[in-house]
Amino acid sequence: MLRYFNQKKKRGPAASESLRAIWESEDGCEKVRKLLKDHGTFKDVEVSLKKKTIDSETNALAGEYVNEATLINIHGWDEDMIKFSKERARAAGMLRKSEEHGKDEWRAVLSESFLKKNEKIQEKEQQASEVMEARVHI
C-alpha cells in the first residue's frame, strides 16, 4: 500500500486525491485498510498511456536583390560566382534593372540555415479501477 500512496518524483502517486486525504489523516492506514476490506481490493488497475512524438524540420534561405558591386565589396564574391549567380537569376526571371542607378540587379541567396527538431514526449496516467489481480491478502 505504501507504493500506491507514496509520491514518486517523476509521476506522482497512483492513489486518487480523496483516497490520499484519508491516508494522510490520523489512523489513515487503518481507515484505508478497512475500506478495502469492506468495499474492494487492489484487484483491478486501469492504466492509461499517452505518447506524443513531434518531428519538425525547418529550412530557410535568405537573400536580397544584389548587384555586382554589392557582391564584390560586401560579400566577397569573385567574378565567376557573380557571373553564375546572374545567369541563374536571368534564367529564373529574377533579373531587373534598378530604377535608382540603372544597373542590373537580381535576387540572390546569401545565407542558408536549417533546423531539425525531434522531440518525444511520454505521459503515463494511472487510475484505480479493475484489471490486474493482486496476490496480497489484507
N, C-alpha and C. Protein backbone atom coordinates (compact mmCIF):
# COMPACT_ATOMS: atom_id res chain seq x y z
N MET A 1 0.82 -1.19 0.00
CA MET A 1 0.00 0.00 0.00
C MET A 1 0.86 1.25 0.00
N LEU A 2 2.03 1.18 0.62
CA LEU A 2 2.88 2.37 0.66
C LEU A 2 3.24 2.85 -0.74
N ARG A 3 3.57 1.93 -1.64
CA ARG A 3 3.91 2.32 -3.02
C ARG A 3 2.75 3.01 -3.71
N TYR A 4 1.56 2.60 -3.39
CA TYR A 4 0.37 3.16 -4.01
C TYR A 4 0.14 4.61 -3.56
N PHE A 5 0.52 4.92 -2.32
CA PHE A 5 0.27 6.25 -1.77
C PHE A 5 1.48 7.18 -1.78
N ASN A 6 2.68 6.63 -1.72
CA ASN A 6 3.86 7.48 -1.71
C ASN A 6 4.08 8.11 -3.08
N GLN A 7 4.50 9.35 -3.04
CA GLN A 7 4.71 10.07 -4.31
C GLN A 7 6.06 9.70 -4.91
N LYS A 8 6.03 9.48 -6.22
CA LYS A 8 7.26 9.29 -6.97
C LYS A 8 7.66 10.66 -7.50
N LYS A 9 8.94 10.88 -7.68
CA LYS A 9 9.39 12.19 -8.14
C LYS A 9 8.87 12.51 -9.54
N LYS A 10 8.87 11.54 -10.45
CA LYS A 10 8.52 11.82 -11.84
C LYS A 10 7.03 11.72 -12.11
N ARG A 11 6.36 10.75 -11.56
CA ARG A 11 4.97 10.52 -11.99
C ARG A 11 3.92 10.75 -10.92
N GLY A 12 4.28 10.94 -9.68
CA GLY A 12 3.29 11.19 -8.64
C GLY A 12 2.65 9.91 -8.14
N PRO A 13 1.83 10.02 -7.10
CA PRO A 13 1.21 8.83 -6.51
C PRO A 13 0.11 8.28 -7.40
N ALA A 14 -0.16 6.99 -7.25
CA ALA A 14 -1.20 6.33 -8.04
C ALA A 14 -2.58 6.51 -7.42
N ALA A 15 -2.65 6.79 -6.14
CA ALA A 15 -3.94 6.92 -5.45
C ALA A 15 -4.61 8.24 -5.80
N SER A 16 -5.94 8.25 -5.77
CA SER A 16 -6.69 9.48 -6.04
C SER A 16 -6.48 10.46 -4.88
N GLU A 17 -6.81 11.72 -5.13
CA GLU A 17 -6.62 12.75 -4.09
C GLU A 17 -7.50 12.48 -2.87
N SER A 18 -8.74 12.06 -3.10
CA SER A 18 -9.63 11.81 -1.96
C SER A 18 -9.13 10.64 -1.11
N LEU A 19 -8.61 9.59 -1.77
CA LEU A 19 -8.09 8.46 -1.01
C LEU A 19 -6.78 8.83 -0.31
N ARG A 20 -5.97 9.68 -0.94
CA ARG A 20 -4.74 10.14 -0.29
C ARG A 20 -5.07 11.00 0.93
N ALA A 21 -6.16 11.77 0.87
CA ALA A 21 -6.56 12.59 2.02
C ALA A 21 -6.92 11.70 3.20
N ILE A 22 -7.60 10.60 2.95
CA ILE A 22 -7.93 9.64 4.02
C ILE A 22 -6.65 9.02 4.55
N TRP A 23 -5.75 8.64 3.65
CA TRP A 23 -4.48 8.00 4.02
C TRP A 23 -3.65 8.92 4.92
N GLU A 24 -3.64 10.21 4.63
CA GLU A 24 -2.81 11.15 5.37
C GLU A 24 -3.45 11.62 6.68
N SER A 25 -4.71 11.27 6.89
CA SER A 25 -5.36 11.66 8.14
C SER A 25 -4.87 10.76 9.28
N GLU A 26 -5.32 11.09 10.48
CA GLU A 26 -4.95 10.29 11.64
C GLU A 26 -5.54 8.89 11.50
N ASP A 27 -4.78 7.86 11.73
CA ASP A 27 -5.18 6.46 11.54
C ASP A 27 -5.58 6.19 10.09
N GLY A 28 -4.97 6.91 9.16
CA GLY A 28 -5.31 6.78 7.74
C GLY A 28 -5.08 5.39 7.19
N CYS A 29 -3.99 4.77 7.60
CA CYS A 29 -3.66 3.42 7.12
C CYS A 29 -4.78 2.45 7.50
N GLU A 30 -5.22 2.53 8.71
CA GLU A 30 -6.28 1.63 9.19
C GLU A 30 -7.61 1.92 8.49
N LYS A 31 -7.90 3.21 8.22
CA LYS A 31 -9.15 3.57 7.53
C LYS A 31 -9.15 3.02 6.11
N VAL A 32 -8.03 3.16 5.41
CA VAL A 32 -7.94 2.64 4.04
C VAL A 32 -8.02 1.13 4.05
N ARG A 33 -7.35 0.50 5.00
CA ARG A 33 -7.38 -0.96 5.11
C ARG A 33 -8.82 -1.44 5.32
N LYS A 34 -9.57 -0.74 6.17
CA LYS A 34 -10.97 -1.11 6.43
C LYS A 34 -11.83 -0.90 5.17
N LEU A 35 -11.60 0.23 4.46
CA LEU A 35 -12.34 0.48 3.22
C LEU A 35 -12.09 -0.64 2.20
N LEU A 36 -10.84 -1.01 2.06
CA LEU A 36 -10.50 -2.08 1.11
C LEU A 36 -11.10 -3.42 1.53
N LYS A 37 -11.05 -3.68 2.81
CA LYS A 37 -11.58 -4.95 3.32
C LYS A 37 -13.09 -5.01 3.14
N ASP A 38 -13.77 -3.89 3.38
CA ASP A 38 -15.23 -3.87 3.29
C ASP A 38 -15.76 -3.67 1.86
N HIS A 39 -15.06 -2.86 1.07
CA HIS A 39 -15.64 -2.43 -0.21
C HIS A 39 -14.81 -2.76 -1.45
N GLY A 40 -13.64 -3.27 -1.33
CA GLY A 40 -12.88 -3.53 -2.55
C GLY A 40 -11.46 -4.00 -2.28
N THR A 41 -10.70 -4.07 -3.34
CA THR A 41 -9.31 -4.52 -3.26
C THR A 41 -8.49 -3.75 -4.29
N PHE A 42 -7.22 -4.08 -4.30
CA PHE A 42 -6.34 -3.59 -5.35
C PHE A 42 -6.38 -4.54 -6.54
N LYS A 43 -7.44 -5.27 -6.66
CA LYS A 43 -7.59 -6.31 -7.65
C LYS A 43 -7.47 -5.77 -9.07
N ASP A 44 -8.10 -4.63 -9.32
CA ASP A 44 -8.11 -4.09 -10.67
C ASP A 44 -7.36 -2.77 -10.76
N VAL A 45 -6.62 -2.62 -11.82
CA VAL A 45 -5.87 -1.38 -12.06
C VAL A 45 -6.08 -0.97 -13.51
N GLU A 46 -6.46 0.26 -13.71
CA GLU A 46 -6.63 0.78 -15.06
C GLU A 46 -5.44 1.67 -15.37
N VAL A 47 -4.81 1.45 -16.49
CA VAL A 47 -3.63 2.22 -16.88
C VAL A 47 -3.92 2.93 -18.20
N SER A 48 -3.59 4.19 -18.25
CA SER A 48 -3.77 4.99 -19.47
C SER A 48 -2.40 5.50 -19.89
N LEU A 49 -2.04 5.31 -21.14
CA LEU A 49 -0.73 5.72 -21.63
C LEU A 49 -0.91 6.66 -22.81
N LYS A 50 -0.24 7.80 -22.76
CA LYS A 50 -0.27 8.76 -23.86
C LYS A 50 1.14 8.90 -24.39
N LYS A 51 1.28 8.90 -25.69
CA LYS A 51 2.59 9.07 -26.29
C LYS A 51 2.46 10.10 -27.41
N LYS A 52 3.36 11.04 -27.43
CA LYS A 52 3.30 12.12 -28.41
C LYS A 52 4.70 12.29 -29.00
N THR A 53 4.78 12.27 -30.31
CA THR A 53 6.06 12.46 -30.99
C THR A 53 5.92 13.66 -31.93
N ILE A 54 6.87 14.55 -31.85
CA ILE A 54 6.87 15.73 -32.70
C ILE A 54 8.17 15.73 -33.51
N ASP A 55 8.03 15.71 -34.81
CA ASP A 55 9.18 15.85 -35.71
C ASP A 55 8.97 17.12 -36.51
N SER A 56 9.93 17.99 -36.48
CA SER A 56 9.80 19.20 -37.29
C SER A 56 11.15 19.51 -37.93
N GLU A 57 11.07 20.07 -39.09
CA GLU A 57 12.27 20.43 -39.83
C GLU A 57 12.02 21.78 -40.49
N THR A 58 12.96 22.67 -40.35
CA THR A 58 12.86 24.00 -40.93
C THR A 58 14.08 24.27 -41.78
N ASN A 59 13.85 24.63 -43.00
CA ASN A 59 14.93 25.05 -43.89
C ASN A 59 14.65 26.48 -44.30
N ALA A 60 15.65 27.33 -44.24
CA ALA A 60 15.43 28.73 -44.56
C ALA A 60 16.52 29.24 -45.49
N LEU A 61 16.10 29.97 -46.48
CA LEU A 61 17.02 30.66 -47.37
C LEU A 61 16.77 32.15 -47.20
N ALA A 62 17.84 32.92 -47.13
CA ALA A 62 17.70 34.36 -47.01
C ALA A 62 18.52 35.02 -48.10
N GLY A 63 17.99 36.06 -48.65
CA GLY A 63 18.71 36.77 -49.71
C GLY A 63 18.13 38.14 -49.92
N GLU A 64 18.56 38.77 -51.00
CA GLU A 64 18.10 40.11 -51.32
C GLU A 64 18.43 40.40 -52.77
N TYR A 65 17.94 41.52 -53.25
CA TYR A 65 18.36 41.96 -54.58
C TYR A 65 19.77 42.51 -54.46
N VAL A 66 20.66 42.02 -55.32
CA VAL A 66 22.08 42.41 -55.28
C VAL A 66 22.52 42.88 -56.66
N ASN A 67 23.69 43.53 -56.69
CA ASN A 67 24.35 43.86 -57.94
C ASN A 67 25.82 43.46 -57.81
N GLU A 68 26.57 43.63 -58.86
CA GLU A 68 27.97 43.19 -58.85
C GLU A 68 28.77 43.87 -57.75
N ALA A 69 28.58 45.17 -57.57
CA ALA A 69 29.36 45.91 -56.56
C ALA A 69 29.07 45.38 -55.15
N THR A 70 27.79 45.12 -54.87
CA THR A 70 27.42 44.60 -53.54
C THR A 70 28.08 43.25 -53.29
N LEU A 71 28.03 42.37 -54.28
CA LEU A 71 28.59 41.03 -54.09
C LEU A 71 30.11 41.07 -53.94
N ILE A 72 30.78 41.94 -54.65
CA ILE A 72 32.25 42.03 -54.54
C ILE A 72 32.66 42.69 -53.23
N ASN A 73 32.11 43.86 -52.96
CA ASN A 73 32.58 44.67 -51.82
C ASN A 73 32.06 44.20 -50.46
N ILE A 74 30.82 43.76 -50.41
CA ILE A 74 30.25 43.40 -49.10
C ILE A 74 30.35 41.90 -48.82
N HIS A 75 30.07 41.08 -49.83
CA HIS A 75 30.02 39.63 -49.61
C HIS A 75 31.27 38.90 -50.06
N GLY A 76 32.19 39.57 -50.72
CA GLY A 76 33.47 38.96 -51.09
C GLY A 76 33.40 37.92 -52.20
N TRP A 77 32.42 38.02 -53.08
CA TRP A 77 32.30 37.05 -54.17
C TRP A 77 33.31 37.38 -55.26
N ASP A 78 33.77 36.34 -56.01
CA ASP A 78 34.66 36.57 -57.16
C ASP A 78 33.83 36.67 -58.45
N GLU A 79 34.48 36.99 -59.55
CA GLU A 79 33.78 37.23 -60.83
C GLU A 79 33.01 36.00 -61.32
N ASP A 80 33.59 34.78 -61.16
CA ASP A 80 32.91 33.56 -61.61
C ASP A 80 31.61 33.33 -60.83
N MET A 81 31.66 33.56 -59.53
CA MET A 81 30.47 33.38 -58.70
C MET A 81 29.38 34.37 -59.10
N ILE A 82 29.76 35.58 -59.34
CA ILE A 82 28.81 36.62 -59.73
C ILE A 82 28.18 36.28 -61.08
N LYS A 83 29.01 35.86 -62.04
CA LYS A 83 28.52 35.52 -63.38
C LYS A 83 27.51 34.36 -63.30
N PHE A 84 27.85 33.33 -62.55
CA PHE A 84 26.96 32.17 -62.40
C PHE A 84 25.64 32.58 -61.76
N SER A 85 25.70 33.37 -60.68
CA SER A 85 24.51 33.81 -59.98
C SER A 85 23.61 34.66 -60.88
N LYS A 86 24.22 35.55 -61.66
CA LYS A 86 23.45 36.43 -62.54
C LYS A 86 22.77 35.63 -63.65
N GLU A 87 23.44 34.63 -64.20
CA GLU A 87 22.86 33.79 -65.26
C GLU A 87 21.69 32.95 -64.72
N ARG A 88 21.83 32.42 -63.54
CA ARG A 88 20.72 31.67 -62.92
C ARG A 88 19.53 32.56 -62.68
N ALA A 89 19.78 33.77 -62.20
CA ALA A 89 18.70 34.73 -61.95
C ALA A 89 18.00 35.10 -63.26
N ARG A 90 18.79 35.29 -64.32
CA ARG A 90 18.21 35.62 -65.62
C ARG A 90 17.31 34.49 -66.10
N ALA A 91 17.77 33.23 -65.98
CA ALA A 91 17.01 32.06 -66.41
C ALA A 91 15.72 31.90 -65.61
N ALA A 92 15.75 32.30 -64.34
CA ALA A 92 14.57 32.15 -63.47
C ALA A 92 13.67 33.39 -63.49
N GLY A 93 14.04 34.38 -64.26
CA GLY A 93 13.23 35.60 -64.33
C GLY A 93 13.37 36.50 -63.13
N MET A 94 14.50 36.46 -62.44
CA MET A 94 14.70 37.26 -61.23
C MET A 94 15.72 38.38 -61.45
N LEU A 95 15.91 38.79 -62.68
CA LEU A 95 16.84 39.87 -63.01
C LEU A 95 16.03 41.11 -63.36
N ARG A 96 16.46 42.27 -62.85
CA ARG A 96 15.75 43.52 -63.14
C ARG A 96 16.75 44.66 -63.26
N LYS A 97 16.31 45.77 -63.79
CA LYS A 97 17.11 47.00 -63.85
C LYS A 97 16.71 47.88 -62.67
N SER A 98 17.67 48.37 -61.95
CA SER A 98 17.39 49.24 -60.82
C SER A 98 16.85 50.58 -61.33
N GLU A 99 15.81 51.07 -60.70
CA GLU A 99 15.26 52.38 -61.06
C GLU A 99 16.14 53.50 -60.54
N GLU A 100 16.93 53.23 -59.50
CA GLU A 100 17.77 54.26 -58.91
C GLU A 100 19.05 54.50 -59.69
N HIS A 101 19.75 53.42 -60.06
CA HIS A 101 21.04 53.60 -60.71
C HIS A 101 21.12 52.98 -62.10
N GLY A 102 20.08 52.29 -62.57
CA GLY A 102 20.03 51.76 -63.93
C GLY A 102 20.85 50.52 -64.18
N LYS A 103 21.47 49.96 -63.16
CA LYS A 103 22.29 48.75 -63.34
C LYS A 103 21.45 47.51 -63.10
N ASP A 104 21.95 46.35 -63.59
CA ASP A 104 21.29 45.07 -63.35
C ASP A 104 21.39 44.70 -61.87
N GLU A 105 20.31 44.21 -61.35
CA GLU A 105 20.32 43.62 -60.02
C GLU A 105 19.42 42.41 -60.04
N TRP A 106 19.71 41.46 -59.18
CA TRP A 106 18.97 40.20 -59.19
C TRP A 106 18.86 39.67 -57.77
N ARG A 107 17.91 38.74 -57.64
CA ARG A 107 17.72 38.09 -56.35
C ARG A 107 18.77 37.00 -56.20
N ALA A 108 19.46 37.02 -55.07
CA ALA A 108 20.49 36.02 -54.80
C ALA A 108 20.35 35.51 -53.37
N VAL A 109 20.58 34.22 -53.21
CA VAL A 109 20.57 33.62 -51.88
C VAL A 109 21.92 33.92 -51.24
N LEU A 110 21.90 34.58 -50.09
CA LEU A 110 23.12 34.97 -49.41
C LEU A 110 23.39 34.17 -48.15
N SER A 111 22.37 33.52 -47.62
CA SER A 111 22.59 32.64 -46.46
C SER A 111 21.55 31.53 -46.46
N GLU A 112 21.94 30.42 -45.90
CA GLU A 112 21.06 29.25 -45.81
C GLU A 112 21.20 28.68 -44.42
N SER A 113 20.06 28.33 -43.83
CA SER A 113 20.11 27.73 -42.49
C SER A 113 19.11 26.59 -42.42
N PHE A 114 19.32 25.72 -41.45
CA PHE A 114 18.39 24.62 -41.25
C PHE A 114 18.33 24.28 -39.78
N LEU A 115 17.19 23.72 -39.39
CA LEU A 115 16.97 23.30 -38.01
C LEU A 115 16.15 22.03 -38.03
N LYS A 116 16.64 20.98 -37.40
CA LYS A 116 15.89 19.73 -37.30
C LYS A 116 15.64 19.47 -35.83
N LYS A 117 14.39 19.24 -35.51
CA LYS A 117 14.00 19.04 -34.12
C LYS A 117 13.21 17.74 -34.02
N ASN A 118 13.62 16.87 -33.14
CA ASN A 118 12.93 15.61 -32.92
C ASN A 118 12.66 15.51 -31.43
N GLU A 119 11.40 15.60 -31.05
CA GLU A 119 11.02 15.64 -29.64
C GLU A 119 10.05 14.51 -29.36
N LYS A 120 10.34 13.74 -28.33
CA LYS A 120 9.44 12.65 -27.93
C LYS A 120 8.97 12.91 -26.51
N ILE A 121 7.67 12.87 -26.33
CA ILE A 121 7.08 13.10 -25.01
C ILE A 121 6.26 11.88 -24.64
N GLN A 122 6.47 11.38 -23.45
CA GLN A 122 5.70 10.23 -23.00
C GLN A 122 5.04 10.58 -21.67
N GLU A 123 3.74 10.40 -21.60
CA GLU A 123 3.00 10.67 -20.39
C GLU A 123 2.30 9.40 -19.95
N LYS A 124 2.30 9.15 -18.66
CA LYS A 124 1.60 7.98 -18.13
C LYS A 124 0.61 8.45 -17.08
N GLU A 125 -0.57 7.89 -17.12
CA GLU A 125 -1.58 8.16 -16.11
C GLU A 125 -2.01 6.82 -15.53
N GLN A 126 -2.15 6.78 -14.23
CA GLN A 126 -2.63 5.56 -13.59
C GLN A 126 -3.86 5.91 -12.76
N GLN A 127 -4.86 5.08 -12.85
CA GLN A 127 -6.07 5.29 -12.09
C GLN A 127 -6.50 3.98 -11.46
N ALA A 128 -7.00 4.05 -10.25
CA ALA A 128 -7.51 2.84 -9.61
C ALA A 128 -8.80 2.43 -10.29
N SER A 129 -8.92 1.15 -10.61
CA SER A 129 -10.10 0.62 -11.30
C SER A 129 -10.04 -0.89 -11.19
N GLU A 130 -10.18 -1.65 -12.31
CA GLU A 130 -10.12 -3.10 -12.19
C GLU A 130 -9.56 -3.76 -13.44
N VAL A 131 -8.40 -4.44 -13.25
CA VAL A 131 -7.80 -5.16 -14.38
C VAL A 131 -6.83 -6.23 -13.91
N MET A 132 -6.01 -5.94 -12.91
CA MET A 132 -4.93 -6.81 -12.51
C MET A 132 -5.16 -7.34 -11.10
N GLU A 133 -5.01 -8.63 -10.88
CA GLU A 133 -5.23 -9.19 -9.54
C GLU A 133 -3.98 -9.11 -8.69
N ALA A 134 -4.16 -8.74 -7.45
CA ALA A 134 -3.05 -8.71 -6.50
C ALA A 134 -3.08 -10.00 -5.70
N ARG A 135 -1.92 -10.47 -5.32
CA ARG A 135 -1.84 -11.72 -4.53
C ARG A 135 -1.60 -11.42 -3.07
N VAL A 136 -1.94 -10.22 -2.65
CA VAL A 136 -1.74 -9.80 -1.26
C VAL A 136 -3.07 -9.87 -0.52
N HIS A 137 -3.05 -10.44 0.66
CA HIS A 137 -4.28 -10.52 1.46
C HIS A 137 -4.22 -9.49 2.57
N ILE A 138 -5.31 -8.83 2.78
CA ILE A 138 -5.35 -7.79 3.82
C ILE A 138 -6.03 -8.32 5.04
